[in-house]
Amino acid sequence: MSKVRTRFAPSPTGYLHIGGLRTALYGYLYAKNLGGDFILRIEDTDTARYVDGSVQIIYDTMRDSGIMYDEGPDVGGNYGPYVQSERKNIYTEYAKKLVELGGAYYCFCSADRISSLKDGEGNMKYDKHCLSLSKEEIEEKLASGCPFVIRQNVPLEGTGTYHDLVYGDISVDYKDIEDGILIKSDGMPTYNFANVIDDHLMGITHVIRGTEYLSSTPKYNLMYDAFGWERPTYIHLPPIMKDAVHKLSKRNGDASYEDFVNKGYVKEAIVNYIALLGWSPKTNQEKMSLEELKKNFSLEGINKSPSIFDENKMRWLSGEYIKAMTDEELLEKADKFFAESKVYGKYDMKKIASLLKTRIEIFSQIPEKINFLEEFGAYDTALFCHKKMKTDVEIAKIVLPEARKTLEGLTDFSFDSIHDALMQLVAKLGMKNGQVFWCVRVAITGFESTAGGVMEIAELLGKEETLKRLDYSISLIK
């Protein structure tokens, strides 16, 4: 078996959406699992949809997500150029050769004539009008500068059949395939032609793409056969759905990898979750690093049915990655979000990171979880009422003055000392742990829920600030 070579061939039409990134990821995982090469090719022949800066977004997203290619426009390789607009002469050469082989023909029909072929629903199927032109007529029109396109010559009868490694044998009647344009009037190729030429010349062994190409693959195979080339192996992927009805789509404004990173999702979690959209490992393991994905990936795990994108599931997975981080890793990876908080650089950030790890799922939650350290002020004293803890304002009136007196007497204001002092207070007052701890935590934060318990928060605030907040809260409930 020859070395596996897969490719990802995005169009630079904006950000790289989740469906596109999954295609890239599966191509990468399949190649790497089998010791092969993964190639990036930019398909920029649709100039009308080209968006400035998109190519750089593709490069940045691939690198940032860890889906790194062995060959591509910015890393080189032996099969370049890897940008279609730089391969125009190659397509022209092969289009002419395909015409000679009978697999394509020149079409000189005007826009008005083409328009007249549309049915009542606006659908058009070309009628092979120019296929009947003589060689002399064609040469005369070319010499006179008559505008033309080159169309594929699809048989009127017969069936195109091929085998897909996910969906099995696929058959399409040729009568349902139009003589599509291969070379446009500006000399640029369409995707339908360029992808065949490029995949062959770049030695692509396995073509991995979405199911929307299942029905058009037979027309690509006609070209492979006409040239006498070996067809690649096909692997079509089920769609990713937004819900039971709507497909996840860039055109619908659905989020991209970059959007989720900006929202604070752990990058590795995004890639991990995307891998599970249409593929299942042989085990029940869900959290997998890129290295584990490469090791475990196989076509047997690809599902035929569509997958629904569940952001809540990805959010949970992101939280699992955060829990597994060291304090230093969390500070480094989430530095941008820590910097957006009001406490950045004012406290022991390592201790704050330690508190947050089990309390957040995405980095953007960080500011709201820790800003209370700098936002203390008036709050609703109804927060002292907690049915489960059996506390209310009257309980708080007993607990807070005693807690203040207890904490004021500490010379060592560490977690353990604060804990021991409050436990002694629990025994002294004859209350439950939760009654004392809940009242003190509300009193020094002014919030119902925060990152960290009363000991962690008091230690972070320090003795002076803790006593100051207790005094304020005591004054509120007098």
Protein backbone atom coordinates (compact mmCIF):
# COMPACT_ATOMS: atom_id res chain seq x y z
CA MET A 1 0.00 0.00 0.00
CA SER A 2 1.32 3.44 -0.92
CA LYS A 3 1.81 6.05 1.76
CA VAL A 4 -1.46 7.62 2.83
CA ARG A 5 -1.83 11.25 1.78
CA THR A 6 -4.90 13.25 2.80
CA ARG A 7 -5.69 16.91 2.23
CA PHE A 8 -7.78 19.75 3.58
CA ALA A 9 -8.74 22.21 0.86
CA PRO A 10 -10.69 25.17 2.30
CA SER A 11 -11.90 28.21 0.38
CA PRO A 12 -10.78 31.54 1.88
CA THR A 13 -14.29 32.90 2.33
CA GLY A 14 -14.12 34.00 5.99
CA TYR A 15 -13.52 32.25 9.28
CA LEU A 16 -12.97 28.51 9.53
CA HIS A 17 -16.25 27.07 10.78
CA ILE A 18 -16.67 23.94 12.89
CA GLY A 19 -17.65 21.67 9.98
CA GLY A 20 -14.57 22.66 8.01
CA LEU A 21 -12.32 22.19 11.00
CA ARG A 22 -13.74 18.70 11.59
CA THR A 23 -12.97 17.76 7.98
CA ALA A 24 -9.41 18.97 8.52
CA LEU A 25 -9.15 17.13 11.84
CA TYR A 26 -10.37 13.80 10.44
CA GLY A 27 -8.00 14.11 7.47
CA TYR A 28 -5.14 14.81 9.85
CA LEU A 29 -6.06 12.02 12.30
CA TYR A 30 -6.53 9.44 9.54
CA ALA A 31 -3.18 10.24 7.93
CA LYS A 32 -1.27 10.36 11.21
CA ASN A 33 -2.85 7.14 12.51
CA LEU A 34 -1.45 5.37 9.43
CA GLY A 35 1.90 7.16 9.33
CA GLY A 36 0.93 9.30 6.33
CA ASP A 37 1.05 12.95 5.31
CA PHE A 38 -1.57 15.65 5.68
CA ILE A 39 -1.63 18.48 3.13
CA LEU A 40 -3.20 21.95 3.20
CA ARG A 41 -4.33 23.39 -0.13
CA ILE A 42 -6.05 26.73 -0.61
CA GLU A 43 -8.91 26.63 -3.13
CA ASP A 44 -9.26 30.29 -4.05
CA THR A 45 -10.61 30.13 -7.60
CA ASP A 46 -14.01 31.52 -6.58
CA THR A 47 -12.86 35.14 -6.62
CA ALA A 48 -16.38 36.48 -5.99
CA ARG A 49 -16.47 34.87 -2.53
CA TYR A 50 -12.87 35.58 -1.58
CA VAL A 51 -12.50 37.46 1.73
CA ASP A 52 -9.30 39.36 2.50
CA GLY A 53 -7.40 37.94 5.46
CA SER A 54 -9.13 34.55 5.26
CA VAL A 55 -6.01 32.64 4.24
CA GLN A 56 -4.19 33.88 7.33
CA ILE A 57 -7.18 32.88 9.47
CA ILE A 58 -6.90 29.36 8.04
CA TYR A 59 -3.16 29.20 8.82
CA ASP A 60 -3.67 30.59 12.34
CA THR A 61 -6.60 28.29 13.17
CA MET A 62 -4.81 25.16 11.99
CA ARG A 63 -1.69 25.99 13.97
CA ASP A 64 -3.55 27.11 17.08
CA SER A 65 -5.70 23.98 17.15
CA GLY A 66 -2.69 21.71 16.68
CA ILE A 67 -3.93 20.31 13.34
CA MET A 68 -0.61 20.94 11.63
CA TYR A 69 -0.03 20.01 8.01
CA ASP A 70 3.10 18.48 6.49
CA GLU A 71 2.82 20.44 3.25
CA GLY A 72 1.09 23.70 2.39
CA PRO A 73 1.45 27.21 0.98
CA ASP A 74 3.33 28.56 3.98
CA VAL A 75 5.45 25.47 4.75
CA GLY A 76 6.28 24.27 1.24
CA GLY A 77 6.52 20.74 -0.08
CA ASN A 78 7.28 18.84 -3.29
CA TYR A 79 3.84 19.18 -4.88
CA GLY A 80 3.26 22.95 -4.97
CA PRO A 81 2.07 25.50 -5.62
CA TYR A 82 -0.52 24.76 -2.93
CA VAL A 83 -2.73 27.72 -3.86
CA GLN A 84 -5.06 27.12 -6.79
CA SER A 85 -4.85 30.62 -8.23
CA GLU A 86 -1.13 29.98 -8.73
CA ARG A 87 -1.83 26.81 -10.76
CA LYS A 88 -3.88 28.34 -13.59
CA ASN A 89 -1.53 27.17 -16.36
CA ILE A 90 -1.67 23.62 -15.03
CA TYR A 91 -5.48 23.56 -15.24
CA THR A 92 -5.45 25.03 -18.75
CA GLU A 93 -3.05 22.32 -19.92
CA TYR A 94 -5.14 19.48 -18.46
CA ALA A 95 -8.43 20.96 -19.66
CA LYS A 96 -7.16 20.98 -23.23
CA LYS A 97 -5.97 17.40 -22.81
CA LEU A 98 -9.40 16.38 -21.50
CA VAL A 99 -11.02 17.98 -24.56
CA GLU A 100 -8.72 15.90 -26.78
CA LEU A 101 -9.71 12.77 -24.85
CA GLY A 102 -13.41 13.49 -25.37
CA GLY A 103 -14.12 14.10 -21.70
CA ALA A 104 -14.78 17.83 -22.19
CA TYR A 105 -15.63 20.35 -24.90
CA TYR A 106 -15.59 24.07 -25.68
CA CYS A 107 -18.85 25.94 -25.13
CA PHE A 108 -19.42 29.34 -26.75
CA CYS A 109 -23.07 29.84 -25.77
CA SER A 110 -24.07 33.35 -24.71
CA ALA A 111 -25.51 34.18 -21.32
CA ASP A 112 -28.88 34.81 -22.96
CA ARG A 113 -28.95 31.32 -24.50
CA ILE A 114 -27.92 29.72 -21.23
CA SER A 115 -30.67 31.63 -19.44
CA SER A 116 -33.23 30.38 -21.94
CA LEU A 117 -32.48 26.79 -20.90
CA LYS A 118 -33.80 27.30 -17.37
CA ASP A 119 -37.02 25.60 -16.39
CA GLY A 120 -39.91 27.18 -14.49
CA GLU A 121 -38.10 26.70 -11.17
CA GLY A 122 -34.92 28.38 -12.38
CA ASN A 123 -32.98 25.16 -12.81
CA MET A 124 -30.73 24.84 -15.83
CA LYS A 125 -29.32 21.78 -17.51
CA TYR A 126 -27.08 22.41 -20.47
CA ASP A 127 -28.25 20.72 -23.69
CA LYS A 128 -24.81 19.82 -25.14
CA HIS A 129 -25.40 22.31 -27.97
CA CYS A 130 -21.69 23.06 -28.51
CA LEU A 131 -20.66 19.41 -28.40
CA SER A 132 -21.78 19.16 -32.03
CA LEU A 133 -19.49 21.94 -33.25
CA SER A 134 -16.90 20.83 -35.82
CA LYS A 135 -13.19 21.15 -35.19
CA GLU A 136 -13.06 23.96 -37.79
CA GLU A 137 -15.91 25.87 -36.15
CA ILE A 138 -14.20 25.63 -32.78
CA GLU A 139 -10.84 26.81 -34.14
CA GLU A 140 -12.53 29.70 -35.95
CA LYS A 141 -14.32 30.86 -32.80
CA LEU A 142 -11.16 30.57 -30.70
CA ALA A 143 -9.15 32.53 -33.30
CA SER A 144 -11.75 35.31 -33.36
CA GLY A 145 -11.58 35.72 -29.60
CA CYS A 146 -15.11 34.48 -28.95
CA PRO A 147 -15.67 34.03 -25.18
CA PHE A 148 -15.90 30.41 -24.09
CA VAL A 149 -15.99 28.00 -21.20
CA ILE A 150 -14.92 24.37 -21.15
CA ARG A 151 -17.64 21.94 -20.10
CA GLN A 152 -17.44 18.34 -18.96
CA ASN A 153 -18.89 15.82 -21.38
CA VAL A 154 -21.07 13.61 -19.20
CA PRO A 155 -22.61 10.53 -20.88
CA LEU A 156 -26.36 10.72 -21.50
CA GLU A 157 -26.84 7.16 -20.32
CA GLY A 158 -25.35 4.84 -17.79
CA THR A 159 -24.54 4.98 -14.10
CA GLY A 160 -21.52 6.18 -12.16
CA THR A 161 -20.77 3.82 -9.26
CA TYR A 162 -18.03 3.98 -6.66
CA HIS A 163 -17.31 2.72 -3.16
CA ASP A 164 -17.17 5.00 -0.14
CA LEU A 165 -15.50 3.73 3.03
CA VAL A 166 -18.31 5.10 5.21
CA TYR A 167 -21.44 4.88 3.05
CA GLY A 168 -20.59 1.83 0.94
CA ASP A 169 -21.48 1.62 -2.76
CA ILE A 170 -22.94 4.80 -4.26
CA SER A 171 -24.57 4.99 -7.70
CA VAL A 172 -25.74 8.06 -9.61
CA ASP A 173 -27.40 8.06 -13.04
CA TYR A 174 -25.44 10.15 -15.54
CA LYS A 175 -28.70 11.65 -16.82
CA ASP A 176 -28.94 13.45 -13.47
CA ILE A 177 -25.51 15.07 -13.87
CA GLU A 178 -25.11 18.27 -15.87
CA ASP A 179 -22.26 19.05 -18.25
CA GLY A 180 -20.77 21.37 -15.67
CA ILE A 181 -18.24 24.11 -16.40
CA LEU A 182 -14.63 23.07 -15.78
CA ILE A 183 -12.86 26.22 -16.98
CA LYS A 184 -14.68 29.55 -16.62
CA SER A 185 -14.62 32.35 -19.17
CA ASP A 186 -11.89 34.14 -17.17
CA GLY A 187 -9.66 31.08 -17.56
CA MET A 188 -9.95 30.04 -13.94
CA PRO A 189 -11.06 26.51 -13.08
CA THR A 190 -14.13 25.59 -11.08
CA TYR A 191 -13.80 23.48 -7.98
CA ASN A 192 -15.21 20.51 -9.91
CA PHE A 193 -12.16 20.45 -12.18
CA ALA A 194 -9.37 21.81 -10.00
CA ASN A 195 -9.95 19.37 -7.14
CA VAL A 196 -9.50 16.39 -9.47
CA ILE A 197 -6.33 17.71 -11.09
CA ASP A 198 -4.81 18.79 -7.78
CA ASP A 199 -5.68 15.59 -5.91
CA HIS A 200 -4.06 13.51 -8.64
CA LEU A 201 -0.94 15.64 -9.09
CA MET A 202 -0.44 15.95 -5.33
CA GLY A 203 -0.71 12.19 -4.86
CA ILE A 204 -3.77 12.33 -2.61
CA THR A 205 -4.73 8.74 -1.78
CA HIS A 206 -7.80 9.39 0.37
CA VAL A 207 -10.29 12.19 -0.25
CA ILE A 208 -12.15 13.12 2.94
CA ARG A 209 -15.06 15.55 2.61
CA GLY A 210 -18.74 16.11 3.46
CA THR A 211 -21.73 14.11 2.24
CA GLU A 212 -22.77 16.99 -0.02
CA TYR A 213 -20.21 15.59 -2.48
CA LEU A 214 -21.58 12.05 -2.52
CA SER A 215 -23.71 12.70 -5.60
CA SER A 216 -21.07 14.70 -7.50
CA THR A 217 -18.22 12.22 -7.05
CA PRO A 218 -19.20 10.18 -10.17
CA LYS A 219 -18.49 13.20 -12.39
CA TYR A 220 -15.02 13.48 -10.81
CA ASN A 221 -14.50 9.79 -11.49
CA LEU A 222 -15.35 10.33 -15.16
CA MET A 223 -12.35 12.66 -15.34
CA TYR A 224 -10.05 10.25 -13.50
CA ASP A 225 -11.09 7.53 -15.91
CA ALA A 226 -10.71 9.73 -19.00
CA PHE A 227 -7.14 10.62 -18.01
CA GLY A 228 -6.41 7.00 -17.15
CA TRP A 229 -5.64 7.89 -13.55
CA GLU A 230 -6.28 5.79 -10.47
CA ARG A 231 -9.26 7.00 -8.49
CA PRO A 232 -8.59 8.01 -4.87
CA THR A 233 -10.33 6.29 -1.99
CA TYR A 234 -13.37 8.23 -0.83
CA ILE A 235 -14.42 8.94 2.75
CA HIS A 236 -17.51 11.11 3.10
CA LEU A 237 -18.47 12.56 6.48
CA PRO A 238 -21.98 12.99 7.90
CA PRO A 239 -23.17 16.58 8.39
CA ILE A 240 -23.03 18.46 11.70
CA MET A 241 -26.45 19.79 12.62
CA LYS A 242 -27.37 22.88 14.63
CA ASP A 243 -30.57 21.08 15.63
CA ALA A 244 -32.75 18.30 14.24
CA VAL A 245 -33.55 20.36 11.14
CA HIS A 246 -30.84 22.93 10.46
CA LYS A 247 -27.31 22.16 9.36
CA LEU A 248 -24.47 23.92 11.15
CA SER A 249 -23.30 26.44 8.59
CA LYS A 250 -20.96 29.37 8.18
CA ARG A 251 -23.61 31.01 6.01
CA ASN A 252 -26.01 30.92 8.95
CA GLY A 253 -23.47 32.70 11.10
CA ASP A 254 -22.72 29.70 13.29
CA ALA A 255 -19.71 29.95 15.52
CA SER A 256 -16.17 29.24 14.45
CA TYR A 257 -13.18 27.81 16.32
CA GLU A 258 -11.96 31.36 16.88
CA ASP A 259 -15.32 32.40 18.37
CA PHE A 260 -15.19 29.58 20.91
CA VAL A 261 -11.60 30.39 21.85
CA ASN A 262 -12.64 34.01 22.42
CA LYS A 263 -15.53 32.79 24.58
CA GLY A 264 -12.97 31.07 26.78
CA TYR A 265 -13.28 27.43 25.81
CA VAL A 266 -10.12 25.40 26.30
CA LYS A 267 -8.58 24.91 22.84
CA GLU A 268 -7.86 21.25 23.39
CA ALA A 269 -11.48 20.72 24.47
CA ILE A 270 -12.79 22.30 21.26
CA VAL A 271 -10.70 19.95 19.11
CA ASN A 272 -11.58 16.99 21.35
CA TYR A 273 -15.31 17.73 21.07
CA ILE A 274 -15.19 18.28 17.31
CA ALA A 275 -13.56 14.85 16.96
CA LEU A 276 -16.60 13.30 18.67
CA LEU A 277 -19.04 14.92 16.22
CA GLY A 278 -19.57 11.95 13.94
CA TRP A 279 -16.95 9.59 15.37
CA SER A 280 -16.87 7.36 18.43
CA PRO A 281 -13.82 5.60 19.86
CA LYS A 282 -13.93 1.88 20.61
CA THR A 283 -13.91 2.71 24.32
CA ASN A 284 -16.24 5.05 26.19
CA GLN A 285 -13.44 7.54 26.74
CA GLU A 286 -14.52 11.09 25.86
CA LYS A 287 -11.65 13.28 27.05
CA MET A 288 -8.74 12.69 24.67
CA SER A 289 -5.66 14.69 23.81
CA LEU A 290 -4.67 15.15 20.18
CA GLU A 291 -2.06 12.41 20.60
CA GLU A 292 -4.71 10.05 21.98
CA LEU A 293 -7.06 10.95 19.13
CA LYS A 294 -4.34 10.11 16.59
CA LYS A 295 -3.78 6.75 18.25
CA ASN A 296 -7.48 5.86 18.57
CA PHE A 297 -8.92 7.21 15.32
CA SER A 298 -10.35 4.72 12.85
CA LEU A 299 -12.96 4.80 10.10
CA GLU A 300 -14.98 2.10 11.86
CA GLY A 301 -15.99 4.68 14.43
CA ILE A 302 -17.47 7.14 11.91
CA ASN A 303 -21.26 7.30 12.04
CA LYS A 304 -23.44 7.55 8.95
CA SER A 305 -26.10 9.63 10.66
CA PRO A 306 -25.77 13.41 11.28
CA SER A 307 -24.43 14.74 14.58
CA ILE A 308 -26.04 17.57 16.53
CA PHE A 309 -23.65 20.18 17.89
CA ASP A 310 -24.20 20.38 21.65
CA GLU A 311 -22.42 23.40 23.09
CA ASN A 312 -23.27 22.32 26.63
CA LYS A 313 -21.38 19.07 26.08
CA MET A 314 -18.37 20.97 24.79
CA ARG A 315 -18.61 23.31 27.77
CA TRP A 316 -18.56 20.33 30.14
CA LEU A 317 -15.53 18.91 28.33
CA SER A 318 -13.78 22.28 28.62
CA GLY A 319 -14.39 22.16 32.37
CA GLU A 320 -12.82 18.71 32.55
CA TYR A 321 -9.67 20.08 30.89
CA ILE A 322 -9.55 22.97 33.37
CA LYS A 323 -9.85 20.60 36.34
CA ALA A 324 -6.83 18.67 35.06
CA MET A 325 -4.62 21.77 34.77
CA THR A 326 -2.00 22.77 37.29
CA ASP A 327 -2.44 26.21 38.86
CA GLU A 328 0.40 27.49 36.70
CA GLU A 329 -1.19 26.13 33.51
CA LEU A 330 -4.52 27.78 34.30
CA LEU A 331 -2.84 31.12 34.96
CA GLU A 332 -0.90 30.88 31.71
CA LYS A 333 -3.71 29.67 29.44
CA ALA A 334 -6.32 32.02 30.91
CA ASP A 335 -4.09 35.05 31.44
CA LYS A 336 -6.21 37.20 29.10
CA PHE A 337 -9.34 36.48 31.18
CA PHE A 338 -7.61 36.98 34.52
CA ALA A 339 -6.39 40.33 33.18
CA GLU A 340 -10.02 41.33 32.48
CA SER A 341 -10.91 40.91 36.15
CA LYS A 342 -10.69 43.63 38.77
CA VAL A 343 -8.37 41.59 40.96
CA TYR A 344 -5.58 40.96 38.46
CA GLY A 345 -2.18 41.28 40.14
CA LYS A 346 -3.66 42.36 43.50
CA TYR A 347 -3.85 38.96 45.21
CA ASP A 348 -2.08 35.62 45.23
CA MET A 349 -3.18 34.65 41.73
CA LYS A 350 -1.95 31.09 42.12
CA LYS A 351 -4.32 30.59 45.06
CA ILE A 352 -7.15 32.11 43.04
CA ALA A 353 -6.39 29.75 40.18
CA SER A 354 -6.52 26.82 42.58
CA LEU A 355 -9.96 27.93 43.80
CA LEU A 356 -11.32 28.33 40.28
CA LYS A 357 -10.30 25.00 38.75
CA THR A 358 -13.34 23.07 39.91
CA ARG A 359 -15.72 26.01 39.66
CA ILE A 360 -15.49 27.10 36.03
CA GLU A 361 -15.98 25.42 32.66
CA ILE A 362 -14.78 28.22 30.38
CA PHE A 363 -12.21 30.94 31.02
CA SER A 364 -14.67 33.79 30.46
CA GLN A 365 -16.33 32.88 33.78
CA ILE A 366 -13.21 33.93 35.65
CA PRO A 367 -13.90 37.68 36.10
CA GLU A 368 -17.45 37.17 37.42
CA LYS A 369 -16.23 34.49 39.83
CA ILE A 370 -13.50 36.58 41.44
CA ASN A 371 -14.49 40.25 41.05
CA PHE A 372 -16.24 40.07 44.43
CA LEU A 373 -12.78 40.43 45.98
CA GLU A 374 -12.80 44.04 44.76
CA GLU A 375 -16.52 44.78 44.52
CA PHE A 376 -17.68 44.52 48.12
CA GLY A 377 -20.51 46.87 49.07
CA ALA A 378 -24.23 47.02 49.81
CA TYR A 379 -26.04 43.70 49.37
CA ASP A 380 -29.41 42.14 50.18
CA THR A 381 -29.29 40.74 53.74
CA ALA A 382 -31.83 38.12 52.63
CA LEU A 383 -28.74 36.24 51.44
CA PHE A 384 -28.26 35.12 55.04
CA CYS A 385 -31.47 33.10 54.74
CA HIS A 386 -30.59 29.59 53.61
CA LYS A 387 -33.14 26.84 54.18
CA LYS A 388 -30.69 23.96 53.88
CA MET A 389 -28.12 25.60 56.16
CA LYS A 390 -30.91 26.64 58.56
CA THR A 391 -29.72 30.21 58.70
CA ASP A 392 -31.40 33.60 58.61
CA VAL A 393 -30.67 37.19 59.59
CA GLU A 394 -31.29 36.43 63.27
CA ILE A 395 -28.69 33.65 63.20
CA ALA A 396 -26.30 36.03 61.44
CA LYS A 397 -26.77 38.59 64.21
CA ILE A 398 -25.44 35.99 66.66
CA VAL A 399 -22.66 34.58 64.46
CA LEU A 400 -21.02 37.66 62.95
CA PRO A 401 -19.97 39.57 66.12
CA GLU A 402 -18.58 36.34 67.57
CA ALA A 403 -16.77 35.51 64.33
CA ARG A 404 -15.24 38.97 64.21
CA LYS A 405 -13.97 38.63 67.78
CA THR A 406 -12.58 35.15 67.01
CA LEU A 407 -10.78 36.15 63.81
CA GLU A 408 -9.41 39.36 65.29
CA GLY A 409 -7.53 37.29 67.83
CA LEU A 410 -5.60 35.32 65.19
CA THR A 411 -1.95 36.13 64.66
CA ASP A 412 -1.62 33.55 61.89
CA PHE A 413 -4.30 34.34 59.32
CA SER A 414 -3.88 31.18 57.22
CA PHE A 415 -6.47 28.73 55.94
CA ASP A 416 -5.84 26.21 58.70
CA SER A 417 -5.88 28.80 61.49
CA ILE A 418 -9.10 30.36 60.20
CA HIS A 419 -10.67 26.91 59.88
CA ASP A 420 -9.72 25.84 63.38
CA ALA A 421 -10.92 29.13 64.88
CA LEU A 422 -14.31 28.92 63.16
CA MET A 423 -14.72 25.27 64.16
CA GLN A 424 -14.11 26.29 67.79
CA LEU A 425 -16.76 28.97 67.33
CA VAL A 426 -19.19 26.34 66.00
CA ALA A 427 -18.69 24.33 69.20
CA LYS A 428 -18.99 27.42 71.39
CA LEU A 429 -22.25 28.52 69.80
CA GLY A 430 -23.66 25.00 69.61
CA MET A 431 -24.51 25.45 65.95
CA LYS A 432 -23.92 23.43 62.80
CA ASN A 433 -20.81 24.06 60.68
CA GLY A 434 -22.89 25.33 57.79
CA GLN A 435 -24.66 27.96 59.88
CA VAL A 436 -21.43 29.64 60.93
CA PHE A 437 -19.60 29.19 57.64
CA TRP A 438 -22.53 30.40 55.51
CA CYS A 439 -23.06 33.55 57.55
CA VAL A 440 -19.37 34.49 57.57
CA ARG A 441 -18.95 33.81 53.84
CA VAL A 442 -21.94 35.97 52.90
CA ALA A 443 -20.70 38.67 55.29
CA ILE A 444 -17.25 38.93 53.66
CA THR A 445 -18.38 38.56 50.04
CA GLY A 446 -21.91 39.92 49.69
CA PHE A 447 -22.68 37.16 47.17
CA GLU A 448 -24.66 33.92 47.25
CA SER A 449 -22.00 31.93 45.41
CA THR A 450 -18.31 32.61 44.88
CA ALA A 451 -15.14 30.78 44.02
CA GLY A 452 -13.89 29.30 47.24
CA GLY A 453 -15.21 28.76 50.72
CA VAL A 454 -14.98 31.08 53.70
CA MET A 455 -11.44 30.03 54.70
CA GLU A 456 -9.96 30.49 51.22
CA ILE A 457 -11.66 33.85 50.75
CA ALA A 458 -10.69 35.20 54.16
CA GLU A 459 -7.08 34.13 53.61
CA LEU A 460 -7.04 35.88 50.19
CA LEU A 461 -8.58 39.07 51.59
CA GLY A 462 -6.24 39.15 54.56
CA LYS A 463 -7.08 39.89 58.17
CA GLU A 464 -7.60 43.63 57.90
CA GLU A 465 -9.99 43.47 54.94
CA THR A 466 -11.87 40.49 56.40
CA LEU A 467 -12.53 42.33 59.70
CA LYS A 468 -13.50 45.49 57.82
CA ARG A 469 -16.10 43.54 55.81
CA LEU A 470 -17.44 41.84 58.92
CA ASP A 471 -17.89 45.24 60.54
CA TYR A 472 -19.79 46.49 57.51
CA SER A 473 -22.07 43.42 57.45
CA ILE A 474 -22.75 43.66 61.19
CA SER A 475 -23.86 47.26 60.66
CA LEU A 476 -26.23 46.14 57.88
CA ILE A 477 -28.17 43.70 60.10
CA LYS A 478 -28.36 45.66 63.33
